[in-house]
Amino acid sequence: QVQLVESGGGLVQPGGSLSLSCVVSGISFRNYDVGWYRQAPGKERELVARISSGGYTKYADSVRGRFTISRDNAKNTVSLQMNSLKVEDTAVYLCYATWWWGQGTQVTVSS
């Protein structure tokens, strides 16, 4: 059974930082592309960042330079470091591995 468990969401002020983690089990993690999507109320789900099995990264234009995605194949973990957070980053952040999804973790940026 494949499981993706996110952690690290919460409430932060504009300009602050948060780090999200996703532990993946049930697959050969190192062989899969993984990443993060987000979905805000009333908006479509959008790709935030992804990292390939070979370590290549891709970011949404809206987060490039502020967010950093990384993976630790020894720990079956993909992480998202989010800096200089903006109100518009508020969303549920979902971890994915190719076609499997986590339940999501809420990130709220508000003063």
Foldseek 3Di string as FASTA:
>chain_A
DKAKDKDWADEAAQQAKIKMKIAIDDDQLLQWKKAKWWDDPPDDIGGAKIAGSVGDIDGDPVQPPFKDWDDDSVRNMIMIIGGRDDQVVFTWMWMDTPPDIHPTDTHGYHD
